[in-house]
Amino acid sequence: FEGCGAKVARFAFSEHEMECQHKVVSCELCNLKVKAGELEGHGLVCPNVELDCPHGCGCKVLRGSLLEHESGCGNVVVDCAFAEHGCKERGKRKRIAEHEEDP
């Protein structure tokens, strides 16, 4: 395999071939081709890994869709839409919407 410098006896080659950290494998979630030794690290950035919403709303979100989810998540902390007019209110999006509707 490219990058593998192991010297392996012929009788042990098939075993090495299965375990070599330089062989190219596909991520089961996104099909990206990575070296076997890098697969675990890829799991930390794979866009198709399912995560719990970091804001605690209870949703399961694919890492690659997290920004989209956050743009509408009711638990994200935001400023009042009237902050530019001096309102200092800040809180979870679902509560700020109620605040903004108050007279």
PDB file of N, CA and C in Angstrom:
ATOM      1  N   PHE A   1       0.841  -1.185   0.000  1.00  0.00           N
ATOM      2  CA  PHE A   1       0.000   0.000   0.000  1.00  0.00           C
ATOM      3  C   PHE A   1       0.881   1.241   0.000  1.00  0.00           C
ATOM      4  N   GLU A   2       0.404   2.303  -0.627  1.00  0.00           N
ATOM      5  CA  GLU A   2       1.177   3.522  -0.723  1.00  0.00           C
ATOM      6  C   GLU A   2       1.479   4.063   0.671  1.00  0.00           C
ATOM      7  N   GLY A   3       2.749   4.304   0.931  1.00  0.00           N
ATOM      8  CA  GLY A   3       3.163   4.830   2.219  1.00  0.00           C
ATOM      9  C   GLY A   3       3.547   3.753   3.223  1.00  0.00           C
ATOM     10  N   CYS A   4       3.247   2.504   2.914  1.00  0.00           N
ATOM     11  CA  CYS A   4       3.580   1.404   3.831  1.00  0.00           C
ATOM     12  C   CYS A   4       4.976   0.907   3.519  1.00  0.00           C
ATOM     13  N   GLY A   5       5.838   0.970   4.477  1.00  0.00           N
ATOM     14  CA  GLY A   5       7.210   0.517   4.279  1.00  0.00           C
ATOM     15  C   GLY A   5       7.482  -0.817   4.949  1.00  0.00           C
ATOM     16  N   ALA A   6       6.434  -1.523   5.355  1.00  0.00           N
ATOM     17  CA  ALA A   6       6.617  -2.783   6.077  1.00  0.00           C
ATOM     18  C   ALA A   6       7.233  -3.842   5.181  1.00  0.00           C
ATOM     19  N   LYS A   7       8.163  -4.551   5.728  1.00  0.00           N
ATOM     20  CA  LYS A   7       8.765  -5.708   5.052  1.00  0.00           C
ATOM     21  C   LYS A   7       8.045  -6.926   5.614  1.00  0.00           C
ATOM     22  N   VAL A   8       7.293  -7.602   4.765  1.00  0.00           N
ATOM     23  CA  VAL A   8       6.451  -8.696   5.219  1.00  0.00           C
ATOM     24  C   VAL A   8       6.782  -9.955   4.450  1.00  0.00           C
ATOM     25  N   ALA A   9       6.949 -11.055   5.191  1.00  0.00           N
ATOM     26  CA  ALA A   9       7.195 -12.341   4.539  1.00  0.00           C
ATOM     27  C   ALA A   9       5.961 -12.727   3.722  1.00  0.00           C
ATOM     28  N   ARG A  10       6.191 -13.437   2.643  1.00  0.00           N
ATOM     29  CA  ARG A  10       5.108 -13.813   1.749  1.00  0.00           C
ATOM     30  C   ARG A  10       3.973 -14.538   2.473  1.00  0.00           C
ATOM     31  N   PHE A  11       4.306 -15.425   3.401  1.00  0.00           N
ATOM     32  CA  PHE A  11       3.274 -16.195   4.107  1.00  0.00           C
ATOM     33  C   PHE A  11       2.413 -15.306   5.012  1.00  0.00           C
ATOM     34  N   ALA A  12       2.933 -14.145   5.402  1.00  0.00           N
ATOM     35  CA  ALA A  12       2.197 -13.257   6.304  1.00  0.00           C
ATOM     36  C   ALA A  12       1.556 -12.080   5.562  1.00  0.00           C
ATOM     37  N   PHE A  13       1.711 -12.039   4.241  1.00  0.00           N
ATOM     38  CA  PHE A  13       1.231 -10.881   3.492  1.00  0.00           C
ATOM     39  C   PHE A  13      -0.279 -10.694   3.581  1.00  0.00           C
ATOM     40  N   SER A  14      -1.042 -11.771   3.458  1.00  0.00           N
ATOM     41  CA  SER A  14      -2.504 -11.614   3.466  1.00  0.00           C
ATOM     42  C   SER A  14      -2.981 -11.061   4.814  1.00  0.00           C
ATOM     43  N   GLU A  15      -2.342 -11.467   5.907  1.00  0.00           N
ATOM     44  CA  GLU A  15      -2.702 -10.940   7.219  1.00  0.00           C
ATOM     45  C   GLU A  15      -2.347  -9.457   7.304  1.00  0.00           C
ATOM     46  N   HIS A  16      -1.143  -9.111   6.814  1.00  0.00           N
ATOM     47  CA  HIS A  16      -0.722  -7.713   6.820  1.00  0.00           C
ATOM     48  C   HIS A  16      -1.669  -6.874   5.952  1.00  0.00           C
ATOM     49  N   GLU A  17      -2.058  -7.417   4.842  1.00  0.00           N
ATOM     50  CA  GLU A  17      -2.944  -6.705   3.926  1.00  0.00           C
ATOM     51  C   GLU A  17      -4.263  -6.330   4.614  1.00  0.00           C
ATOM     52  N   MET A  18      -4.767  -7.208   5.481  1.00  0.00           N
ATOM     53  CA  MET A  18      -6.019  -6.932   6.195  1.00  0.00           C
ATOM     54  C   MET A  18      -5.831  -5.895   7.295  1.00  0.00           C
ATOM     55  N   GLU A  19      -4.642  -5.845   7.904  1.00  0.00           N
ATOM     56  CA  GLU A  19      -4.407  -4.987   9.060  1.00  0.00           C
ATOM     57  C   GLU A  19      -3.620  -3.713   8.780  1.00  0.00           C
ATOM     58  N   CYS A  20      -3.082  -3.571   7.573  1.00  0.00           N
ATOM     59  CA  CYS A  20      -2.211  -2.438   7.262  1.00  0.00           C
ATOM     60  C   CYS A  20      -2.955  -1.115   7.440  1.00  0.00           C
ATOM     61  N   GLN A  21      -2.351  -0.233   8.182  1.00  0.00           N
ATOM     62  CA  GLN A  21      -2.949   1.078   8.449  1.00  0.00           C
ATOM     63  C   GLN A  21      -2.857   2.014   7.250  1.00  0.00           C
ATOM     64  N   HIS A  22      -2.134   1.593   6.199  1.00  0.00           N
ATOM     65  CA  HIS A  22      -1.985   2.409   4.990  1.00  0.00           C
ATOM     66  C   HIS A  22      -2.970   2.027   3.893  1.00  0.00           C
ATOM     67  N   LYS A  23      -3.703   0.935   4.089  1.00  0.00           N
ATOM     68  CA  LYS A  23      -4.659   0.567   3.043  1.00  0.00           C
ATOM     69  C   LYS A  23      -5.810   1.572   3.034  1.00  0.00           C
ATOM     70  N   VAL A  24      -6.356   1.769   1.863  1.00  0.00           N
ATOM     71  CA  VAL A  24      -7.446   2.729   1.710  1.00  0.00           C
ATOM     72  C   VAL A  24      -8.764   2.026   1.984  1.00  0.00           C
ATOM     73  N   VAL A  25      -9.573   2.648   2.846  1.00  0.00           N
ATOM     74  CA  VAL A  25     -10.888   2.127   3.195  1.00  0.00           C
ATOM     75  C   VAL A  25     -11.902   3.251   2.999  1.00  0.00           C
ATOM     76  N   SER A  26     -13.165   2.898   2.962  1.00  0.00           N
ATOM     77  CA  SER A  26     -14.223   3.892   2.819  1.00  0.00           C
ATOM     78  C   SER A  26     -14.919   4.097   4.157  1.00  0.00           C
ATOM     79  N   CYS A  27     -15.209   5.348   4.469  1.00  0.00           N
ATOM     80  CA  CYS A  27     -16.014   5.653   5.648  1.00  0.00           C
ATOM     81  C   CYS A  27     -17.403   5.082   5.407  1.00  0.00           C
ATOM     82  N   GLU A  28     -17.938   4.359   6.362  1.00  0.00           N
ATOM     83  CA  GLU A  28     -19.260   3.746   6.224  1.00  0.00           C
ATOM     84  C   GLU A  28     -20.387   4.778   6.186  1.00  0.00           C
ATOM     85  N   LEU A  29     -20.126   5.981   6.671  1.00  0.00           N
ATOM     86  CA  LEU A  29     -21.170   7.008   6.742  1.00  0.00           C
ATOM     87  C   LEU A  29     -21.197   7.938   5.530  1.00  0.00           C
ATOM     88  N   CYS A  30     -20.004   8.272   5.003  1.00  0.00           N
ATOM     89  CA  CYS A  30     -19.967   9.244   3.900  1.00  0.00           C
ATOM     90  C   CYS A  30     -19.243   8.740   2.654  1.00  0.00           C
ATOM     91  N   ASN A  31     -18.688   7.536   2.739  1.00  0.00           N
ATOM     92  CA  ASN A  31     -17.970   6.902   1.623  1.00  0.00           C
ATOM     93  C   ASN A  31     -16.659   7.581   1.242  1.00  0.00           C
ATOM     94  N   LEU A  32     -16.179   8.524   2.037  1.00  0.00           N
ATOM     95  CA  LEU A  32     -14.883   9.140   1.768  1.00  0.00           C
ATOM     96  C   LEU A  32     -13.803   8.081   1.893  1.00  0.00           C
ATOM     97  N   LYS A  33     -12.847   8.088   0.991  1.00  0.00           N
ATOM     98  CA  LYS A  33     -11.738   7.137   1.033  1.00  0.00           C
ATOM     99  C   LYS A  33     -10.624   7.731   1.893  1.00  0.00           C
ATOM    100  N   VAL A  34     -10.230   6.994   2.928  1.00  0.00           N
ATOM    101  CA  VAL A  34      -9.153   7.405   3.831  1.00  0.00           C
ATOM    102  C   VAL A  34      -8.295   6.192   4.151  1.00  0.00           C
ATOM    103  N   LYS A  35      -7.088   6.450   4.623  1.00  0.00           N
ATOM    104  CA  LYS A  35      -6.242   5.345   5.075  1.00  0.00           C
ATOM    105  C   LYS A  35      -6.845   4.766   6.343  1.00  0.00           C
ATOM    106  N   ALA A  36      -6.720   3.459   6.511  1.00  0.00           N
ATOM    107  CA  ALA A  36      -7.312   2.781   7.664  1.00  0.00           C
ATOM    108  C   ALA A  36      -6.867   3.425   8.971  1.00  0.00           C
ATOM    109  N   GLY A  37      -5.624   3.844   9.058  1.00  0.00           N
ATOM    110  CA  GLY A  37      -5.104   4.465  10.270  1.00  0.00           C
ATOM    111  C   GLY A  37      -5.668   5.850  10.544  1.00  0.00           C
ATOM    112  N   GLU A  38      -6.336   6.441   9.559  1.00  0.00           N
ATOM    113  CA  GLU A  38      -6.906   7.777   9.715  1.00  0.00           C
ATOM    114  C   GLU A  38      -8.425   7.748   9.883  1.00  0.00           C
ATOM    115  N   LEU A  39      -9.014   6.561   9.829  1.00  0.00           N
ATOM    116  CA  LEU A  39     -10.467   6.445   9.878  1.00  0.00           C
ATOM    117  C   LEU A  39     -11.056   6.956  11.188  1.00  0.00           C
ATOM    118  N   GLU A  40     -10.415   6.642  12.300  1.00  0.00           N
ATOM    119  CA  GLU A  40     -10.925   7.106  13.593  1.00  0.00           C
ATOM    120  C   GLU A  40     -10.911   8.631  13.672  1.00  0.00           C
ATOM    121  N   GLY A  41      -9.841   9.256  13.197  1.00  0.00           N
ATOM    122  CA  GLY A  41      -9.758  10.712  13.182  1.00  0.00           C
ATOM    123  C   GLY A  41     -10.800  11.333  12.258  1.00  0.00           C
ATOM    124  N   HIS A  42     -11.061  10.656  11.151  1.00  0.00           N
ATOM    125  CA  HIS A  42     -12.092  11.142  10.224  1.00  0.00           C
ATOM    126  C   HIS A  42     -13.453  11.186  10.918  1.00  0.00           C
ATOM    127  N   GLY A  43     -13.687  10.239  11.815  1.00  0.00           N
ATOM    128  CA  GLY A  43     -14.953  10.205  12.547  1.00  0.00           C
ATOM    129  C   GLY A  43     -15.202  11.472  13.355  1.00  0.00           C
ATOM    130  N   LEU A  44     -14.144  12.209  13.672  1.00  0.00           N
ATOM    131  CA  LEU A  44     -14.282  13.457  14.434  1.00  0.00           C
ATOM    132  C   LEU A  44     -14.715  14.628  13.559  1.00  0.00           C
ATOM    133  N   VAL A  45     -14.637  14.436  12.228  1.00  0.00           N
ATOM    134  CA  VAL A  45     -15.014  15.521  11.313  1.00  0.00           C
ATOM    135  C   VAL A  45     -16.020  15.083  10.250  1.00  0.00           C
ATOM    136  N   CYS A  46     -16.354  13.801  10.208  1.00  0.00           N
ATOM    137  CA  CYS A  46     -17.257  13.278   9.183  1.00  0.00           C
ATOM    138  C   CYS A  46     -18.591  14.031   9.219  1.00  0.00           C
ATOM    139  N   PRO A  47     -19.050  14.535   8.072  1.00  0.00           N
ATOM    140  CA  PRO A  47     -20.300  15.293   8.046  1.00  0.00           C
ATOM    141  C   PRO A  47     -21.547  14.447   8.292  1.00  0.00           C
ATOM    142  N   ASN A  48     -21.429  13.134   8.191  1.00  0.00           N
ATOM    143  CA  ASN A  48     -22.603  12.274   8.364  1.00  0.00           C
ATOM    144  C   ASN A  48     -22.702  11.618   9.733  1.00  0.00           C
ATOM    145  N   VAL A  49     -21.866  12.050  10.670  1.00  0.00           N
ATOM    146  CA  VAL A  49     -21.965  11.559  12.043  1.00  0.00           C
ATOM    147  C   VAL A  49     -23.156  12.249  12.698  1.00  0.00           C
ATOM    148  N   GLU A  50     -23.990  11.468  13.375  1.00  0.00           N
ATOM    149  CA  GLU A  50     -25.153  12.023  14.052  1.00  0.00           C
ATOM    150  C   GLU A  50     -24.752  12.521  15.438  1.00  0.00           C
ATOM    151  N   LEU A  51     -25.114  13.751  15.731  1.00  0.00           N
ATOM    152  CA  LEU A  51     -24.796  14.382  17.012  1.00  0.00           C
ATOM    153  C   LEU A  51     -26.076  14.818  17.710  1.00  0.00           C
ATOM    154  N   ASP A  52     -26.012  14.937  19.020  1.00  0.00           N
ATOM    155  CA  ASP A  52     -27.089  15.578  19.764  1.00  0.00           C
ATOM    156  C   ASP A  52     -26.907  17.078  19.579  1.00  0.00           C
ATOM    157  N   CYS A  53     -27.989  17.807  19.450  1.00  0.00           N
ATOM    158  CA  CYS A  53     -27.895  19.267  19.338  1.00  0.00           C
ATOM    159  C   CYS A  53     -27.096  19.790  20.532  1.00  0.00           C
ATOM    160  N   PRO A  54     -26.040  20.564  20.277  1.00  0.00           N
ATOM    161  CA  PRO A  54     -25.227  21.071  21.385  1.00  0.00           C
ATOM    162  C   PRO A  54     -25.948  22.111  22.247  1.00  0.00           C
ATOM    163  N   HIS A  55     -27.124  22.535  21.813  1.00  0.00           N
ATOM    164  CA  HIS A  55     -27.885  23.536  22.561  1.00  0.00           C
ATOM    165  C   HIS A  55     -28.983  22.902  23.408  1.00  0.00           C
ATOM    166  N   GLY A  56     -29.065  21.566  23.366  1.00  0.00           N
ATOM    167  CA  GLY A  56     -29.961  20.853  24.260  1.00  0.00           C
ATOM    168  C   GLY A  56     -31.424  20.811  23.870  1.00  0.00           C
ATOM    169  N   CYS A  57     -31.728  20.970  22.587  1.00  0.00           N
ATOM    170  CA  CYS A  57     -33.142  20.946  22.193  1.00  0.00           C
ATOM    171  C   CYS A  57     -33.674  19.523  22.032  1.00  0.00           C
ATOM    172  N   GLY A  58     -32.772  18.542  22.058  1.00  0.00           N
ATOM    173  CA  GLY A  58     -33.189  17.153  21.951  1.00  0.00           C
ATOM    174  C   GLY A  58     -33.132  16.579  20.541  1.00  0.00           C
ATOM    175  N   CYS A  59     -32.840  17.411  19.556  1.00  0.00           N
ATOM    176  CA  CYS A  59     -32.767  16.933  18.168  1.00  0.00           C
ATOM    177  C   CYS A  59     -31.463  16.181  17.927  1.00  0.00           C
ATOM    178  N   LYS A  60     -31.537  15.225  17.019  1.00  0.00           N
ATOM    179  CA  LYS A  60     -30.349  14.543  16.497  1.00  0.00           C
ATOM    180  C   LYS A  60     -30.051  15.202  15.162  1.00  0.00           C
ATOM    181  N   VAL A  61     -28.805  15.610  14.965  1.00  0.00           N
ATOM    182  CA  VAL A  61     -28.440  16.385  13.785  1.00  0.00           C
ATOM    183  C   VAL A  61     -27.156  15.821  13.180  1.00  0.00           C
ATOM    184  N   LEU A  62     -27.108  15.713  11.850  1.00  0.00           N
ATOM    185  CA  LEU A  62     -25.863  15.323  11.198  1.00  0.00           C
ATOM    186  C   LEU A  62     -24.877  16.481  11.327  1.00  0.00           C
ATOM    187  N   ARG A  63     -23.606  16.151  11.578  1.00  0.00           N
ATOM    188  CA  ARG A  63     -22.591  17.193  11.773  1.00  0.00           C
ATOM    189  C   ARG A  63     -22.605  18.182  10.603  1.00  0.00           C
ATOM    190  N   GLY A  64     -22.754  17.696   9.392  1.00  0.00           N
ATOM    191  CA  GLY A  64     -22.754  18.567   8.218  1.00  0.00           C
ATOM    192  C   GLY A  64     -23.968  19.477   8.130  1.00  0.00           C
ATOM    193  N   SER A  65     -24.999  19.214   8.908  1.00  0.00           N
ATOM    194  CA  SER A  65     -26.217  20.034   8.901  1.00  0.00           C
ATOM    195  C   SER A  65     -26.361  20.870  10.171  1.00  0.00           C
ATOM    196  N   LEU A  66     -25.337  20.866  11.001  1.00  0.00           N
ATOM    197  CA  LEU A  66     -25.427  21.536  12.295  1.00  0.00           C
ATOM    198  C   LEU A  66     -25.674  23.042  12.163  1.00  0.00           C
ATOM    199  N   LEU A  67     -24.973  23.705  11.250  1.00  0.00           N
ATOM    200  CA  LEU A  67     -25.173  25.150  11.098  1.00  0.00           C
ATOM    201  C   LEU A  67     -26.595  25.456  10.650  1.00  0.00           C
ATOM    202  N   GLU A  68     -27.118  24.643   9.756  1.00  0.00           N
ATOM    203  CA  GLU A  68     -28.504  24.828   9.301  1.00  0.00           C
ATOM    204  C   GLU A  68     -29.473  24.651  10.468  1.00  0.00           C
ATOM    205  N   HIS A  69     -29.227  23.623  11.281  1.00  0.00           N
ATOM    206  CA  HIS A  69     -30.083  23.393  12.445  1.00  0.00           C
ATOM    207  C   HIS A  69     -30.012  24.575  13.407  1.00  0.00           C
ATOM    208  N   GLU A  70     -28.795  25.046  13.676  1.00  0.00           N
ATOM    209  CA  GLU A  70     -28.616  26.141  14.632  1.00  0.00           C
ATOM    210  C   GLU A  70     -29.321  27.425  14.180  1.00  0.00           C
ATOM    211  N   SER A  71     -29.469  27.605  12.870  1.00  0.00           N
ATOM    212  CA  SER A  71     -30.102  28.830  12.377  1.00  0.00           C
ATOM    213  C   SER A  71     -31.583  28.904  12.755  1.00  0.00           C
ATOM    214  N   GLY A  72     -32.189  27.766  13.138  1.00  0.00           N
ATOM    215  CA  GLY A  72     -33.582  27.781  13.536  1.00  0.00           C
ATOM    216  C   GLY A  72     -33.856  27.164  14.897  1.00  0.00           C
ATOM    217  N   CYS A  73     -32.827  26.662  15.551  1.00  0.00           N
ATOM    218  CA  CYS A  73     -32.994  25.985  16.843  1.00  0.00           C
ATOM    219  C   CYS A  73     -33.489  26.968  17.907  1.00  0.00           C
ATOM    220  N   GLY A  74     -34.546  26.597  18.585  1.00  0.00           N
ATOM    221  CA  GLY A  74     -35.127  27.447  19.617  1.00  0.00           C
ATOM    222  C   GLY A  74     -34.271  27.618  20.853  1.00  0.00           C
ATOM    223  N   ASN A  75     -33.260  26.762  21.025  1.00  0.00           N
ATOM    224  CA  ASN A  75     -32.412  26.847  22.214  1.00  0.00           C
ATOM    225  C   ASN A  75     -31.134  27.656  22.008  1.00  0.00           C
ATOM    226  N   VAL A  76     -30.899  28.130  20.794  1.00  0.00           N
ATOM    227  CA  VAL A  76     -29.713  28.948  20.545  1.00  0.00           C
ATOM    228  C   VAL A  76     -29.916  30.307  21.198  1.00  0.00           C
ATOM    229  N   VAL A  77     -28.897  30.790  21.885  1.00  0.00           N
ATOM    230  CA  VAL A  77     -28.965  32.092  22.550  1.00  0.00           C
ATOM    231  C   VAL A  77     -28.711  33.184  21.508  1.00  0.00           C
ATOM    232  N   VAL A  78     -29.640  34.133  21.449  1.00  0.00           N
ATOM    233  CA  VAL A  78     -29.559  35.229  20.473  1.00  0.00           C
ATOM    234  C   VAL A  78     -29.878  36.553  21.145  1.00  0.00           C
ATOM    235  N   ASP A  79     -29.509  37.627  20.468  1.00  0.00           N
ATOM    236  CA  ASP A  79     -29.872  38.977  20.912  1.00  0.00           C
ATOM    237  C   ASP A  79     -31.258  39.303  20.391  1.00  0.00           C
ATOM    238  N   CYS A  80     -31.928  40.188  21.064  1.00  0.00           N
ATOM    239  CA  CYS A  80     -33.214  40.703  20.607  1.00  0.00           C
ATOM    240  C   CYS A  80     -33.010  41.373  19.251  1.00  0.00           C
ATOM    241  N   ALA A  81     -33.999  41.249  18.365  1.00  0.00           N
ATOM    242  CA  ALA A  81     -33.924  41.874  17.044  1.00  0.00           C
ATOM    243  C   ALA A  81     -33.816  43.395  17.149  1.00  0.00           C
ATOM    244  N   PHE A  82     -34.175  43.939  18.316  1.00  0.00           N
ATOM    245  CA  PHE A  82     -34.133  45.382  18.508  1.00  0.00           C
ATOM    246  C   PHE A  82     -32.870  45.829  19.251  1.00  0.00           C
ATOM    247  N   ALA A  83     -31.857  44.966  19.272  1.00  0.00           N
ATOM    248  CA  ALA A  83     -30.593  45.292  19.945  1.00  0.00           C
ATOM    249  C   ALA A  83     -29.969  46.551  19.355  1.00  0.00           C
ATOM    250  N   GLU A  84     -30.096  46.728  18.061  1.00  0.00           N
ATOM    251  CA  GLU A  84     -29.514  47.916  17.419  1.00  0.00           C
ATOM    252  C   GLU A  84     -30.225  49.204  17.838  1.00  0.00           C
ATOM    253  N   HIS A  85     -31.379  49.049  18.461  1.00  0.00           N
ATOM    254  CA  HIS A  85     -32.122  50.205  18.976  1.00  0.00           C
ATOM    255  C   HIS A  85     -31.999  50.332  20.494  1.00  0.00           C
ATOM    256  N   GLY A  86     -31.072  49.566  21.071  1.00  0.00           N
ATOM    257  CA  GLY A  86     -30.781  49.698  22.487  1.00  0.00           C
ATOM    258  C   GLY A  86     -31.306  48.608  23.394  1.00  0.00           C
ATOM    259  N   CYS A  87     -32.076  47.662  22.872  1.00  0.00           N
ATOM    260  CA  CYS A  87     -32.583  46.582  23.725  1.00  0.00           C
ATOM    261  C   CYS A  87     -31.435  45.653  24.106  1.00  0.00           C
ATOM    262  N   LYS A  88     -31.301  45.376  25.376  1.00  0.00           N
ATOM    263  CA  LYS A  88     -30.208  44.537  25.885  1.00  0.00           C
ATOM    264  C   LYS A  88     -30.644  43.088  26.113  1.00  0.00           C
ATOM    265  N   GLU A  89     -31.886  42.764  25.796  1.00  0.00           N
ATOM    266  CA  GLU A  89     -32.418  41.418  26.052  1.00  0.00           C
ATOM    267  C   GLU A  89     -31.653  40.380  25.226  1.00  0.00           C
ATOM    268  N   ARG A  90     -31.311  39.279  25.877  1.00  0.00           N
ATOM    269  CA  ARG A  90     -30.583  38.182  25.238  1.00  0.00           C
ATOM    270  C   ARG A  90     -31.094  36.897  25.856  1.00  0.00           C
ATOM    271  N   GLY A  91     -31.337  35.891  25.032  1.00  0.00           N
ATOM    272  CA  GLY A  91     -31.814  34.623  25.566  1.00  0.00           C
ATOM    273  C   GLY A  91     -32.040  33.609  24.471  1.00  0.00           C
ATOM    274  N   LYS A  92     -32.638  32.486  24.842  1.00  0.00           N
ATOM    275  CA  LYS A  92     -32.916  31.438  23.861  1.00  0.00           C
ATOM    276  C   LYS A  92     -33.885  31.975  22.814  1.00  0.00           C
ATOM    277  N   ARG A  93     -33.656  31.582  21.565  1.00  0.00           N
ATOM    278  CA  ARG A  93     -34.456  32.072  20.443  1.00  0.00           C
ATOM    279  C   ARG A  93     -35.954  31.950  20.709  1.00  0.00           C
ATOM    280  N   LYS A  94     -36.388  30.825  21.282  1.00  0.00           N
ATOM    281  CA  LYS A  94     -37.827  30.629  21.508  1.00  0.00           C
ATOM    282  C   LYS A  94     -38.389  31.624  22.517  1.00  0.00           C
ATOM    283  N   ARG A  95     -37.577  32.086  23.457  1.00  0.00           N
ATOM    284  CA  ARG A  95     -38.025  33.067  24.455  1.00  0.00           C
ATOM    285  C   ARG A  95     -37.910  34.494  23.907  1.00  0.00           C
ATOM    286  N   ILE A  96     -36.893  34.748  23.129  1.00  0.00           N
ATOM    287  CA  ILE A  96     -36.695  36.079  22.553  1.00  0.00           C
ATOM    288  C   ILE A  96     -37.841  36.414  21.601  1.00  0.00           C
ATOM    289  N   ALA A  97     -38.347  35.427  20.894  1.00  0.00           N
ATOM    290  CA  ALA A  97     -39.471  35.662  19.979  1.00  0.00           C
ATOM    291  C   ALA A  97     -40.674  36.196  20.772  1.00  0.00           C
ATOM    292  N   GLU A  98     -40.928  35.638  21.943  1.00  0.00           N
ATOM    293  CA  GLU A  98     -42.013  36.116  22.797  1.00  0.00           C
ATOM    294  C   GLU A  98     -41.735  37.543  23.272  1.00  0.00           C
ATOM    295  N   HIS A  99     -40.484  37.800  23.668  1.00  0.00           N
ATOM    296  CA  HIS A  99     -40.071  39.130  24.142  1.00  0.00           C
ATOM    297  C   HIS A  99     -40.290  40.174  23.045  1.00  0.00           C
ATOM    298  N   GLU A 100     -39.928  39.823  21.806  1.00  0.00           N
ATOM    299  CA  GLU A 100     -40.019  40.769  20.703  1.00  0.00           C
ATOM    300  C   GLU A 100     -41.482  41.119  20.376  1.00  0.00           C
ATOM    301  N   GLU A 101     -42.394  40.236  20.737  1.00  0.00           N
ATOM    302  CA  GLU A 101     -43.817  40.476  20.474  1.00  0.00           C
ATOM    303  C   GLU A 101     -44.490  41.277  21.581  1.00  0.00           C
ATOM    304  N   ASP A 102     -43.833  41.376  22.744  1.00  0.00           N
ATOM    305  CA  ASP A 102     -44.403  42.163  23.860  1.00  0.00           C
ATOM    306  C   ASP A 102     -44.497  43.636  23.473  1.00  0.00           C
ATOM    307  N   PRO A 103     -45.564  44.299  23.904  1.00  0.00           N
ATOM    308  CA  PRO A 103     -45.702  45.741  23.578  1.00  0.00           C
ATOM    309  C   PRO A 103     -44.705  46.586  24.353  1.00  0.00           C
TER     310      PRO A 103
END
